[in-house]
Amino acid sequence: MNATVADLRLWPAWKQRGRLTLLTAFEDSETCTRAKRFCVDLSRLLGSGCQIVQHVWVFSTFRLRELREIAAEEASVSDLVILSAREAAGLPEEARQWIDLWLPHAGHHPAALLALLAPVPGSHASPIRAYLHGITRRAGLQFFVSTDEGFGFQNP
């Protein structure tokens, strides 16, 4: 199913509340750029009346336990967690450790996880997508995946 940002079930609540807290975690400079473009589009959609508080992390910082714990705490109180990565490879171990820290606390308020995955031509199997779908289902999070530059979304 293709959808847009406006189709996220939580989007109206963010706009009405006038505040969105989000955390972006990315793999490298290319996936960072992809996440930034999404956040600009989201900000434009929410309008100037909605304050966006954003935390930004690169996966490699999760190698340090102290930073991984800080990022996990920030993710656990975020309305939206954006994970931007290359679809071809699995998530690095440090990213999985970070997810393991924050996910048990994610269900304390309505939240969503958005995976912005850089597609691999000719590949349909995605270990990242399957992993994230399973963990978000168990945690009760809304989960969306985008693999195109127009940020059309798919419910996995």
N, C-alpha and C. Protein backbone atom coordinates (compact mmCIF):
# COMPACT_ATOMS: atom_id res chain seq x y z
N MET A 1 0.84 -1.18 0.00
CA MET A 1 0.00 0.00 0.00
C MET A 1 0.88 1.23 0.00
N ASN A 2 0.71 2.10 -0.98
CA ASN A 2 1.44 3.35 -1.00
C ASN A 2 0.64 4.42 -0.28
N ALA A 3 1.33 5.27 0.43
CA ALA A 3 0.69 6.33 1.18
C ALA A 3 1.64 7.51 1.23
N THR A 4 1.24 8.58 1.87
CA THR A 4 2.09 9.74 2.03
C THR A 4 2.26 10.03 3.51
N VAL A 5 3.07 11.02 3.82
CA VAL A 5 3.26 11.42 5.21
C VAL A 5 1.92 11.73 5.86
N ALA A 6 1.04 12.34 5.11
CA ALA A 6 -0.26 12.73 5.65
C ALA A 6 -1.09 11.51 6.07
N ASP A 7 -0.74 10.33 5.59
CA ASP A 7 -1.49 9.13 5.93
C ASP A 7 -1.03 8.46 7.23
N LEU A 8 0.06 8.94 7.81
CA LEU A 8 0.46 8.41 9.12
C LEU A 8 -0.67 8.69 10.10
N ARG A 9 -1.10 7.67 10.82
CA ARG A 9 -2.24 7.85 11.75
C ARG A 9 -1.97 8.91 12.80
N LEU A 10 -0.73 9.09 13.18
CA LEU A 10 -0.40 10.03 14.25
C LEU A 10 -0.22 11.47 13.77
N TRP A 11 -0.14 11.67 12.47
CA TRP A 11 0.13 12.99 11.92
C TRP A 11 -0.86 14.06 12.40
N PRO A 12 -2.16 13.81 12.38
CA PRO A 12 -3.09 14.85 12.85
C PRO A 12 -2.86 15.23 14.31
N ALA A 13 -2.49 14.28 15.14
CA ALA A 13 -2.25 14.58 16.56
C ALA A 13 -1.03 15.47 16.71
N TRP A 14 0.01 15.23 15.92
CA TRP A 14 1.21 16.07 15.99
C TRP A 14 0.86 17.50 15.60
N LYS A 15 0.10 17.63 14.53
CA LYS A 15 -0.25 18.98 14.05
C LYS A 15 -1.15 19.69 15.05
N GLN A 16 -2.12 18.98 15.60
CA GLN A 16 -3.03 19.58 16.57
C GLN A 16 -2.29 19.99 17.84
N ARG A 17 -1.40 19.14 18.29
CA ARG A 17 -0.63 19.43 19.50
C ARG A 17 0.37 20.56 19.27
N GLY A 18 0.76 20.77 18.01
CA GLY A 18 1.69 21.85 17.69
C GLY A 18 3.13 21.53 18.05
N ARG A 19 3.42 20.25 18.23
CA ARG A 19 4.77 19.85 18.61
C ARG A 19 5.02 18.40 18.18
N LEU A 20 6.18 18.18 17.62
CA LEU A 20 6.61 16.85 17.21
C LEU A 20 8.03 16.65 17.69
N THR A 21 8.24 15.58 18.43
CA THR A 21 9.59 15.21 18.84
C THR A 21 10.00 14.03 17.99
N LEU A 22 11.14 14.17 17.31
CA LEU A 22 11.58 13.07 16.48
C LEU A 22 13.06 12.81 16.67
N LEU A 23 13.44 11.59 16.40
CA LEU A 23 14.84 11.20 16.44
C LEU A 23 15.17 10.58 15.10
N THR A 24 16.28 11.03 14.53
CA THR A 24 16.77 10.48 13.28
C THR A 24 18.09 9.79 13.52
N ALA A 25 18.18 8.54 13.11
CA ALA A 25 19.44 7.79 13.17
C ALA A 25 19.76 7.36 11.74
N PHE A 26 21.01 7.56 11.33
CA PHE A 26 21.38 7.28 9.96
C PHE A 26 22.71 6.55 9.89
N GLU A 27 22.95 5.95 8.73
CA GLU A 27 24.12 5.11 8.53
C GLU A 27 25.34 5.88 8.06
N ASP A 28 25.14 6.82 7.12
CA ASP A 28 26.27 7.53 6.52
C ASP A 28 25.77 8.85 5.93
N SER A 29 26.65 9.56 5.21
CA SER A 29 26.26 10.87 4.69
C SER A 29 25.12 10.79 3.69
N GLU A 30 25.09 9.76 2.86
CA GLU A 30 24.00 9.62 1.88
C GLU A 30 22.66 9.40 2.57
N THR A 31 22.64 8.53 3.57
CA THR A 31 21.38 8.26 4.26
C THR A 31 20.99 9.43 5.16
N CYS A 32 21.98 10.22 5.60
CA CYS A 32 21.70 11.45 6.36
C CYS A 32 20.98 12.45 5.46
N THR A 33 21.49 12.63 4.26
CA THR A 33 20.87 13.56 3.30
C THR A 33 19.43 13.16 3.01
N ARG A 34 19.20 11.88 2.85
CA ARG A 34 17.84 11.36 2.60
C ARG A 34 16.92 11.71 3.76
N ALA A 35 17.39 11.52 4.99
CA ALA A 35 16.58 11.83 6.17
C ALA A 35 16.32 13.33 6.28
N LYS A 36 17.31 14.15 5.98
CA LYS A 36 17.12 15.60 6.03
C LYS A 36 16.05 16.05 5.05
N ARG A 37 16.07 15.48 3.84
CA ARG A 37 15.04 15.83 2.84
C ARG A 37 13.65 15.47 3.35
N PHE A 38 13.54 14.29 3.96
CA PHE A 38 12.25 13.89 4.51
C PHE A 38 11.80 14.88 5.58
N CYS A 39 12.70 15.26 6.49
CA CYS A 39 12.34 16.16 7.59
C CYS A 39 11.92 17.53 7.09
N VAL A 40 12.55 18.01 6.03
CA VAL A 40 12.13 19.28 5.43
C VAL A 40 10.71 19.16 4.89
N ASP A 41 10.42 18.06 4.20
CA ASP A 41 9.07 17.84 3.67
C ASP A 41 8.04 17.73 4.80
N LEU A 42 8.40 17.02 5.86
CA LEU A 42 7.50 16.86 7.00
C LEU A 42 7.23 18.21 7.67
N SER A 43 8.26 19.00 7.84
CA SER A 43 8.11 20.33 8.44
C SER A 43 7.19 21.21 7.61
N ARG A 44 7.35 21.14 6.32
CA ARG A 44 6.50 21.93 5.41
C ARG A 44 5.05 21.47 5.54
N LEU A 45 4.84 20.17 5.62
CA LEU A 45 3.49 19.62 5.74
C LEU A 45 2.84 20.00 7.06
N LEU A 46 3.60 19.95 8.16
CA LEU A 46 3.04 20.28 9.47
C LEU A 46 2.78 21.77 9.62
N GLY A 47 3.53 22.60 8.91
CA GLY A 47 3.31 24.04 8.95
C GLY A 47 4.08 24.73 10.05
N SER A 48 4.12 26.03 9.97
CA SER A 48 4.92 26.83 10.92
C SER A 48 4.35 26.79 12.34
N GLY A 49 3.11 26.38 12.50
CA GLY A 49 2.51 26.31 13.83
C GLY A 49 2.91 25.07 14.62
N CYS A 50 3.71 24.21 14.03
CA CYS A 50 4.13 22.98 14.70
C CYS A 50 5.64 23.04 14.96
N GLN A 51 5.99 23.02 16.22
CA GLN A 51 7.39 23.02 16.60
C GLN A 51 7.94 21.60 16.47
N ILE A 52 9.10 21.47 15.83
CA ILE A 52 9.73 20.16 15.69
C ILE A 52 11.02 20.17 16.52
N VAL A 53 11.09 19.23 17.44
CA VAL A 53 12.29 19.02 18.24
C VAL A 53 12.95 17.78 17.68
N GLN A 54 14.17 17.94 17.16
CA GLN A 54 14.81 16.82 16.48
C GLN A 54 16.15 16.47 17.12
N HIS A 55 16.35 15.17 17.31
CA HIS A 55 17.63 14.63 17.77
C HIS A 55 18.20 13.85 16.60
N VAL A 56 19.51 13.99 16.36
CA VAL A 56 20.13 13.36 15.21
C VAL A 56 21.35 12.56 15.66
N TRP A 57 21.42 11.29 15.18
CA TRP A 57 22.50 10.39 15.56
C TRP A 57 23.00 9.62 14.34
N VAL A 58 24.29 9.42 14.26
CA VAL A 58 24.88 8.54 13.26
C VAL A 58 25.11 7.19 13.95
N PHE A 59 24.86 6.10 13.24
CA PHE A 59 24.97 4.76 13.83
C PHE A 59 26.29 4.54 14.56
N SER A 60 27.39 5.04 14.01
CA SER A 60 28.70 4.76 14.60
C SER A 60 28.83 5.28 16.03
N THR A 61 28.06 6.30 16.40
CA THR A 61 28.14 6.80 17.78
C THR A 61 27.53 5.82 18.77
N PHE A 62 26.73 4.88 18.29
CA PHE A 62 26.11 3.89 19.17
C PHE A 62 27.12 2.86 19.66
N ARG A 63 28.33 2.90 19.14
CA ARG A 63 29.37 1.99 19.63
C ARG A 63 29.76 2.32 21.07
N LEU A 64 29.59 3.58 21.44
CA LEU A 64 29.89 4.00 22.81
C LEU A 64 28.64 3.84 23.67
N ARG A 65 28.74 3.03 24.69
CA ARG A 65 27.59 2.69 25.54
C ARG A 65 26.88 3.94 26.05
N GLU A 66 27.62 4.92 26.52
CA GLU A 66 27.01 6.12 27.09
C GLU A 66 26.18 6.87 26.06
N LEU A 67 26.71 7.00 24.83
CA LEU A 67 25.96 7.70 23.78
C LEU A 67 24.77 6.87 23.32
N ARG A 68 24.94 5.56 23.26
CA ARG A 68 23.84 4.67 22.89
C ARG A 68 22.69 4.81 23.90
N GLU A 69 23.01 4.91 25.18
CA GLU A 69 21.99 5.06 26.21
C GLU A 69 21.28 6.41 26.10
N ILE A 70 22.02 7.47 25.81
CA ILE A 70 21.40 8.80 25.63
C ILE A 70 20.45 8.76 24.44
N ALA A 71 20.90 8.20 23.33
CA ALA A 71 20.06 8.12 22.13
C ALA A 71 18.83 7.25 22.38
N ALA A 72 18.98 6.19 23.15
CA ALA A 72 17.84 5.32 23.46
C ALA A 72 16.81 6.07 24.29
N GLU A 73 17.28 6.86 25.24
CA GLU A 73 16.35 7.65 26.06
C GLU A 73 15.61 8.67 25.19
N GLU A 74 16.33 9.32 24.29
CA GLU A 74 15.68 10.28 23.40
C GLU A 74 14.65 9.60 22.49
N ALA A 75 15.00 8.43 21.98
CA ALA A 75 14.07 7.70 21.11
C ALA A 75 12.82 7.28 21.86
N SER A 76 12.98 6.91 23.13
CA SER A 76 11.84 6.40 23.90
C SER A 76 10.79 7.48 24.17
N VAL A 77 11.14 8.74 24.06
CA VAL A 77 10.17 9.82 24.27
C VAL A 77 9.82 10.52 22.96
N SER A 78 10.31 10.01 21.85
CA SER A 78 10.04 10.62 20.55
C SER A 78 8.71 10.15 19.98
N ASP A 79 8.07 11.04 19.27
CA ASP A 79 6.82 10.71 18.57
C ASP A 79 7.10 9.92 17.30
N LEU A 80 8.25 10.22 16.70
CA LEU A 80 8.64 9.58 15.45
C LEU A 80 10.13 9.28 15.50
N VAL A 81 10.48 8.04 15.21
CA VAL A 81 11.87 7.65 15.08
C VAL A 81 12.09 7.33 13.61
N ILE A 82 13.08 7.99 13.02
CA ILE A 82 13.42 7.77 11.62
C ILE A 82 14.75 7.04 11.56
N LEU A 83 14.75 5.94 10.90
CA LEU A 83 15.97 5.16 10.72
C LEU A 83 16.29 5.16 9.24
N SER A 84 17.41 5.76 8.87
CA SER A 84 17.79 5.88 7.46
C SER A 84 19.03 5.03 7.21
N ALA A 85 18.86 4.03 6.32
CA ALA A 85 19.95 3.07 6.11
C ALA A 85 19.91 2.54 4.68
N ARG A 86 20.95 1.81 4.34
CA ARG A 86 21.00 1.11 3.06
C ARG A 86 20.26 -0.22 3.23
N GLU A 87 19.39 -0.51 2.29
CA GLU A 87 18.56 -1.71 2.41
C GLU A 87 19.35 -3.00 2.21
N ALA A 88 20.45 -2.94 1.49
CA ALA A 88 21.19 -4.15 1.13
C ALA A 88 21.73 -4.90 2.33
N ALA A 89 22.34 -4.21 3.23
CA ALA A 89 22.98 -4.87 4.36
C ALA A 89 22.04 -4.89 5.55
N GLY A 90 22.33 -5.75 6.49
CA GLY A 90 21.57 -5.72 7.73
C GLY A 90 22.03 -4.54 8.56
N LEU A 91 21.29 -4.26 9.61
CA LEU A 91 21.69 -3.17 10.50
C LEU A 91 22.98 -3.52 11.23
N PRO A 92 23.85 -2.54 11.43
CA PRO A 92 25.05 -2.81 12.21
C PRO A 92 24.68 -3.21 13.64
N GLU A 93 25.54 -3.97 14.27
CA GLU A 93 25.28 -4.45 15.63
C GLU A 93 25.00 -3.31 16.59
N GLU A 94 25.74 -2.20 16.48
CA GLU A 94 25.52 -1.08 17.40
C GLU A 94 24.13 -0.47 17.23
N ALA A 95 23.60 -0.48 16.01
CA ALA A 95 22.24 0.03 15.80
C ALA A 95 21.21 -0.92 16.42
N ARG A 96 21.44 -2.20 16.32
CA ARG A 96 20.54 -3.18 16.95
C ARG A 96 20.59 -3.05 18.48
N GLN A 97 21.77 -2.83 19.03
CA GLN A 97 21.89 -2.65 20.48
C GLN A 97 21.12 -1.41 20.93
N TRP A 98 21.19 -0.35 20.15
CA TRP A 98 20.45 0.88 20.46
C TRP A 98 18.94 0.60 20.43
N ILE A 99 18.48 -0.09 19.40
CA ILE A 99 17.06 -0.43 19.29
C ILE A 99 16.62 -1.28 20.49
N ASP A 100 17.46 -2.23 20.86
CA ASP A 100 17.14 -3.09 22.01
C ASP A 100 16.99 -2.29 23.30
N LEU A 101 17.69 -1.17 23.40
CA LEU A 101 17.59 -0.34 24.60
C LEU A 101 16.30 0.48 24.63
N TRP A 102 15.94 1.09 23.51
CA TRP A 102 14.78 2.00 23.55
C TRP A 102 13.45 1.33 23.27
N LEU A 103 13.44 0.27 22.52
CA LEU A 103 12.17 -0.33 22.11
C LEU A 103 11.28 -0.76 23.27
N PRO A 104 11.81 -1.34 24.35
CA PRO A 104 10.91 -1.73 25.45
C PRO A 104 10.19 -0.55 26.10
N HIS A 105 10.68 0.66 25.90
CA HIS A 105 10.07 1.85 26.49
C HIS A 105 9.25 2.64 25.47
N ALA A 106 9.21 2.18 24.23
CA ALA A 106 8.57 2.93 23.16
C ALA A 106 7.05 2.95 23.26
N GLY A 107 6.44 1.99 23.92
CA GLY A 107 4.99 1.92 23.96
C GLY A 107 4.33 2.81 24.98
N HIS A 108 5.10 3.67 25.64
CA HIS A 108 4.53 4.53 26.68
C HIS A 108 3.67 5.65 26.11
N HIS A 109 3.81 5.95 24.84
CA HIS A 109 2.94 6.92 24.17
C HIS A 109 2.88 6.53 22.70
N PRO A 110 1.85 6.98 21.98
CA PRO A 110 1.75 6.61 20.57
C PRO A 110 2.97 7.10 19.80
N ALA A 111 3.58 6.22 19.04
CA ALA A 111 4.78 6.57 18.29
C ALA A 111 4.83 5.77 17.00
N ALA A 112 5.72 6.20 16.13
CA ALA A 112 5.89 5.52 14.86
C ALA A 112 7.38 5.40 14.54
N LEU A 113 7.71 4.36 13.80
CA LEU A 113 9.05 4.17 13.28
C LEU A 113 8.96 4.23 11.77
N LEU A 114 9.78 5.07 11.19
CA LEU A 114 9.85 5.20 9.74
C LEU A 114 11.23 4.75 9.30
N ALA A 115 11.29 3.77 8.43
CA ALA A 115 12.56 3.32 7.85
C ALA A 115 12.68 3.92 6.46
N LEU A 116 13.69 4.77 6.29
CA LEU A 116 14.01 5.30 4.97
C LEU A 116 15.15 4.44 4.44
N LEU A 117 14.82 3.55 3.53
CA LEU A 117 15.80 2.57 3.07
C LEU A 117 16.25 2.88 1.65
N ALA A 118 17.55 3.05 1.48
CA ALA A 118 18.12 3.24 0.15
C ALA A 118 18.05 1.91 -0.58
N PRO A 119 17.28 1.84 -1.66
CA PRO A 119 17.04 0.55 -2.32
C PRO A 119 18.28 0.04 -3.06
N VAL A 120 18.28 -1.26 -3.23
CA VAL A 120 19.31 -1.92 -4.01
C VAL A 120 18.65 -2.42 -5.29
N PRO A 121 19.12 -1.97 -6.46
CA PRO A 121 18.49 -2.40 -7.72
C PRO A 121 18.46 -3.93 -7.85
N GLY A 122 17.29 -4.44 -8.20
CA GLY A 122 17.13 -5.87 -8.43
C GLY A 122 16.96 -6.71 -7.18
N SER A 123 16.96 -6.09 -6.01
CA SER A 123 16.83 -6.85 -4.77
C SER A 123 15.45 -6.61 -4.17
N HIS A 124 14.78 -7.70 -3.81
CA HIS A 124 13.46 -7.58 -3.20
C HIS A 124 13.47 -8.00 -1.74
N ALA A 125 14.41 -8.81 -1.36
CA ALA A 125 14.50 -9.25 0.03
C ALA A 125 15.21 -8.20 0.86
N SER A 126 14.72 -7.94 2.04
CA SER A 126 15.32 -6.93 2.89
C SER A 126 15.37 -7.42 4.33
N PRO A 127 16.57 -7.78 4.80
CA PRO A 127 16.66 -8.22 6.19
C PRO A 127 16.32 -7.09 7.16
N ILE A 128 16.62 -5.85 6.80
CA ILE A 128 16.29 -4.72 7.68
C ILE A 128 14.79 -4.58 7.81
N ARG A 129 14.10 -4.63 6.70
CA ARG A 129 12.64 -4.45 6.71
C ARG A 129 11.96 -5.54 7.54
N ALA A 130 12.37 -6.78 7.35
CA ALA A 130 11.78 -7.88 8.12
C ALA A 130 12.07 -7.72 9.61
N TYR A 131 13.28 -7.37 9.95
CA TYR A 131 13.66 -7.17 11.36
C TYR A 131 12.84 -6.05 11.99
N LEU A 132 12.77 -4.90 11.34
CA LEU A 132 12.04 -3.75 11.89
C LEU A 132 10.54 -4.03 11.97
N HIS A 133 10.00 -4.71 10.98
CA HIS A 133 8.58 -5.04 11.01
C HIS A 133 8.27 -5.91 12.23
N GLY A 134 9.10 -6.89 12.48
CA GLY A 134 8.87 -7.79 13.62
C GLY A 134 8.96 -7.08 14.96
N ILE A 135 9.97 -6.24 15.13
CA ILE A 135 10.14 -5.59 16.44
C ILE A 135 9.08 -4.53 16.69
N THR A 136 8.66 -3.82 15.65
CA THR A 136 7.64 -2.79 15.85
C THR A 136 6.28 -3.41 16.11
N ARG A 137 6.02 -4.53 15.50
CA ARG A 137 4.74 -5.22 15.74
C ARG A 137 4.66 -5.65 17.21
N ARG A 138 5.76 -6.21 17.73
CA ARG A 138 5.78 -6.63 19.13
C ARG A 138 5.69 -5.44 20.08
N ALA A 139 6.25 -4.30 19.70
CA ALA A 139 6.24 -3.12 20.57
C ALA A 139 4.98 -2.29 20.42
N GLY A 140 4.15 -2.59 19.42
CA GLY A 140 2.93 -1.82 19.21
C GLY A 140 3.15 -0.47 18.56
N LEU A 141 4.23 -0.34 17.79
CA LEU A 141 4.52 0.91 17.10
C LEU A 141 3.95 0.88 15.68
N GLN A 142 3.54 2.02 15.20
CA GLN A 142 3.17 2.14 13.81
C GLN A 142 4.48 2.09 13.01
N PHE A 143 4.53 1.35 11.91
CA PHE A 143 5.75 1.18 11.14
C PHE A 143 5.50 1.47 9.68
N PHE A 144 6.36 2.30 9.10
CA PHE A 144 6.31 2.61 7.69
C PHE A 144 7.69 2.49 7.09
N VAL A 145 7.72 2.18 5.80
CA VAL A 145 8.96 2.04 5.05
C VAL A 145 8.86 2.90 3.81
N SER A 146 9.93 3.61 3.50
CA SER A 146 10.01 4.33 2.24
C SER A 146 11.31 3.94 1.56
N THR A 147 11.21 3.56 0.30
CA THR A 147 12.40 3.21 -0.46
C THR A 147 12.55 4.08 -1.70
N ASP A 148 11.73 5.10 -1.82
CA ASP A 148 11.86 5.97 -3.00
C ASP A 148 12.09 7.39 -2.57
N GLU A 149 12.55 8.21 -3.49
CA GLU A 149 12.89 9.59 -3.18
C GLU A 149 11.65 10.46 -2.95
N GLY A 150 10.48 10.03 -3.39
CA GLY A 150 9.29 10.83 -3.22
C GLY A 150 8.62 10.61 -1.88
N PHE A 151 9.19 9.75 -1.07
CA PHE A 151 8.68 9.44 0.25
C PHE A 151 7.24 8.97 0.24
N GLY A 152 6.92 8.14 -0.76
CA GLY A 152 5.68 7.38 -0.69
C GLY A 152 5.93 6.29 0.33
N PHE A 153 4.95 5.92 1.08
CA PHE A 153 5.15 4.96 2.16
C PHE A 153 4.46 3.65 1.86
N GLN A 154 5.00 2.60 2.44
CA GLN A 154 4.41 1.28 2.33
C GLN A 154 4.18 0.78 3.75
N ASN A 155 3.01 0.28 4.01
CA ASN A 155 2.79 -0.47 5.25
C ASN A 155 3.38 -1.84 4.98
N PRO A 156 4.36 -2.27 5.77
CA PRO A 156 4.97 -3.57 5.48
C PRO A 156 3.99 -4.71 5.71
